Amino acid sequence: MKLIPALGARSQRGPAEWFTGTVWRDASPPQGSPDVAVSRVFFEPGARTHWHTHPEGQILHVITGTGRAQREGGEIVEIGPGDIVYFAPGERHWHGASPNNPMVHLAINPATTSDGGTDWQEPVTDKEYAAGE
C-alpha cells in the first residue's frame, strides 16, 4: 500500500497554453504512482481544455457540475456528476465546463508504456464550443 497525503497536492491555475478560461488543477505529487497520474480539475463556466491526446488514453470521472466533452469528429456530449468518460489512446479530444455552470472532474491518465504525457494542441474555438448549444 502507498498513501499519498492530500497535503502533497497543490492547487495551481491551469496554464493558458492548455486551457481557455479559468481552470484550477490539484495534481498528484511527483512521488505518486508510476502507473497513473490523477488530477482534480475545476473548470469555471465556459472554461475548457485545448484539443489534446494522451498516448495511453484518459479517463474522466465527473464529481460535480455540468460539462461538455468531444472527440474529434464526434458530437459534443453533456456530462454530469457520476459520469465516466473514456478517451482511447491517441484519440484527439477536449473537455470542460458547460457555458453557465462550473464542473469538477478527476482526470486519470494511465502511464503503462510511456511517460503518460499529454500532447497539447490548439485551442477549441468559441464556434466549436458553441456547437453543443
Protein backbone atom coordinates (compact mmCIF):
# COMPACT_ATOMS: atom_id res chain seq x y z
CA MET A 1 0.00 0.00 0.00
CA LYS A 2 1.11 3.52 -0.70
CA LEU A 3 -0.62 6.59 0.71
CA ILE A 4 -0.17 9.95 -0.99
CA PRO A 5 -1.48 12.51 1.51
CA ALA A 6 -3.75 15.25 0.21
CA LEU A 7 -1.37 17.77 1.74
CA GLY A 8 1.05 16.89 -1.06
CA ALA A 9 -1.28 18.27 -3.74
CA ARG A 10 -1.20 21.96 -4.63
CA SER A 11 -3.90 23.89 -6.44
CA GLN A 12 -2.43 25.60 -9.46
CA ARG A 13 -4.08 27.67 -12.14
CA GLY A 14 -4.17 25.84 -15.46
CA PRO A 15 -1.80 27.42 -17.99
CA ALA A 16 -3.17 29.36 -20.97
CA GLU A 17 -1.18 27.03 -23.24
CA TRP A 18 -3.52 24.20 -22.20
CA PHE A 19 -6.84 25.83 -21.26
CA THR A 20 -9.33 28.51 -22.32
CA GLY A 21 -10.88 30.28 -19.32
CA THR A 22 -10.14 29.81 -15.65
CA VAL A 23 -9.17 26.31 -14.58
CA TRP A 24 -7.62 25.06 -11.33
CA ARG A 25 -5.75 21.75 -11.02
CA ASP A 26 -4.75 19.68 -7.99
CA ALA A 27 -2.27 17.20 -9.41
CA SER A 28 -0.87 14.16 -7.67
CA PRO A 29 2.67 14.88 -6.45
CA PRO A 30 5.66 13.53 -8.41
CA GLN A 31 6.26 10.75 -5.88
CA GLY A 32 2.84 9.33 -6.83
CA SER A 33 2.25 6.04 -8.55
CA PRO A 34 4.44 5.43 -11.60
CA ASP A 35 1.46 3.72 -13.26
CA VAL A 36 -1.09 6.54 -13.19
CA ALA A 37 -1.42 10.31 -12.81
CA VAL A 38 -4.56 11.64 -11.12
CA SER A 39 -5.63 15.29 -11.14
CA ARG A 40 -8.71 17.01 -9.75
CA VAL A 41 -9.63 19.76 -12.21
CA PHE A 42 -12.04 22.64 -11.53
CA PHE A 43 -13.42 24.44 -14.61
CA GLU A 44 -15.25 27.75 -14.20
CA PRO A 45 -18.28 28.19 -16.51
CA GLY A 46 -17.20 28.18 -20.16
CA ALA A 47 -13.64 27.03 -19.37
CA ARG A 48 -12.25 24.11 -21.32
CA THR A 49 -9.12 22.29 -22.37
CA HIS A 50 -7.44 22.78 -25.71
CA TRP A 51 -7.54 19.89 -28.16
CA HIS A 52 -5.16 17.19 -26.97
CA THR A 53 -4.28 13.48 -26.96
CA HIS A 54 -2.84 11.01 -24.45
CA PRO A 55 -0.60 8.09 -25.50
CA GLU A 56 -2.34 5.69 -23.08
CA GLY A 57 -5.78 7.30 -23.19
CA GLN A 58 -7.59 9.17 -20.44
CA ILE A 59 -10.46 8.53 -18.02
CA LEU A 60 -12.57 11.36 -16.63
CA HIS A 61 -14.86 10.94 -13.61
CA VAL A 62 -17.19 13.91 -13.13
CA ILE A 63 -17.53 14.85 -9.46
CA THR A 64 -19.86 17.86 -9.59
CA GLY A 65 -21.34 20.38 -12.01
CA THR A 66 -22.07 20.01 -15.70
CA GLY A 67 -19.71 19.93 -18.61
CA ARG A 68 -19.02 19.00 -22.17
CA ALA A 69 -16.68 16.58 -23.89
CA GLN A 70 -15.97 15.84 -27.53
CA ARG A 71 -13.73 13.54 -29.52
CA GLU A 72 -12.58 14.76 -32.91
CA GLY A 73 -15.27 14.06 -35.49
CA GLY A 74 -17.87 13.23 -32.83
CA GLU A 75 -20.78 15.07 -31.29
CA ILE A 76 -20.38 17.19 -28.17
CA VAL A 77 -21.80 15.29 -25.20
CA GLU A 78 -23.10 16.77 -21.95
CA ILE A 79 -21.51 15.25 -18.84
CA GLY A 80 -22.50 15.45 -15.19
CA PRO A 81 -21.94 14.01 -11.71
CA GLY A 82 -21.07 10.33 -11.71
CA ASP A 83 -20.41 10.18 -15.47
CA ILE A 84 -17.22 8.48 -16.61
CA VAL A 85 -15.71 9.36 -19.98
CA TYR A 86 -13.00 7.26 -21.62
CA PHE A 87 -10.81 8.52 -24.43
CA ALA A 88 -8.81 5.87 -26.29
CA PRO A 89 -5.04 6.13 -26.67
CA GLY A 90 -4.20 8.85 -29.19
CA GLU A 91 -7.84 9.97 -29.52
CA ARG A 92 -7.93 13.74 -30.10
CA HIS A 93 -10.44 15.39 -27.75
CA TRP A 94 -11.33 18.24 -25.39
CA HIS A 95 -13.48 18.64 -22.27
CA GLY A 96 -14.62 21.40 -19.94
CA ALA A 97 -17.48 23.11 -18.12
CA SER A 98 -20.83 23.99 -19.65
CA PRO A 99 -21.37 27.69 -20.52
CA ASN A 100 -23.34 28.54 -17.35
CA ASN A 101 -22.09 26.05 -14.77
CA PRO A 102 -18.73 25.01 -13.32
CA MET A 103 -17.53 21.41 -13.38
CA VAL A 104 -15.07 19.36 -11.36
CA HIS A 105 -13.67 16.07 -12.62
CA LEU A 106 -10.91 13.64 -11.83
CA ALA A 107 -8.58 13.13 -14.78
CA ILE A 108 -6.90 9.74 -14.69
CA ASN A 109 -4.02 9.25 -17.09
CA PRO A 110 -2.51 5.74 -17.27
CA ALA A 111 1.24 5.61 -17.82
CA THR A 112 1.90 1.99 -18.63
CA THR A 113 4.14 2.26 -21.71
CA SER A 114 5.38 5.86 -21.85
CA ASP A 115 5.53 8.93 -19.65
CA GLY A 116 1.71 9.32 -19.64
CA GLY A 117 2.11 12.80 -21.01
CA THR A 118 -0.31 14.97 -22.89
CA ASP A 119 0.15 16.27 -26.42
CA TRP A 120 -1.43 19.74 -26.14
CA GLN A 121 -2.66 21.28 -29.37
CA GLU A 122 -4.65 24.34 -30.49
CA PRO A 123 -7.50 25.92 -28.51
CA VAL A 124 -11.09 24.84 -29.02
CA THR A 125 -12.67 27.80 -30.80
CA ASP A 126 -15.75 29.56 -29.45
CA LYS A 127 -17.60 28.30 -32.55
CA GLU A 128 -16.58 24.69 -31.87
CA TYR A 129 -17.54 25.01 -28.20
CA ALA A 130 -20.91 26.66 -29.02
CA ALA A 131 -21.79 23.79 -31.37
CA GLY A 132 -23.03 21.97 -28.26
CA GLU A 133 -25.80 24.50 -27.63
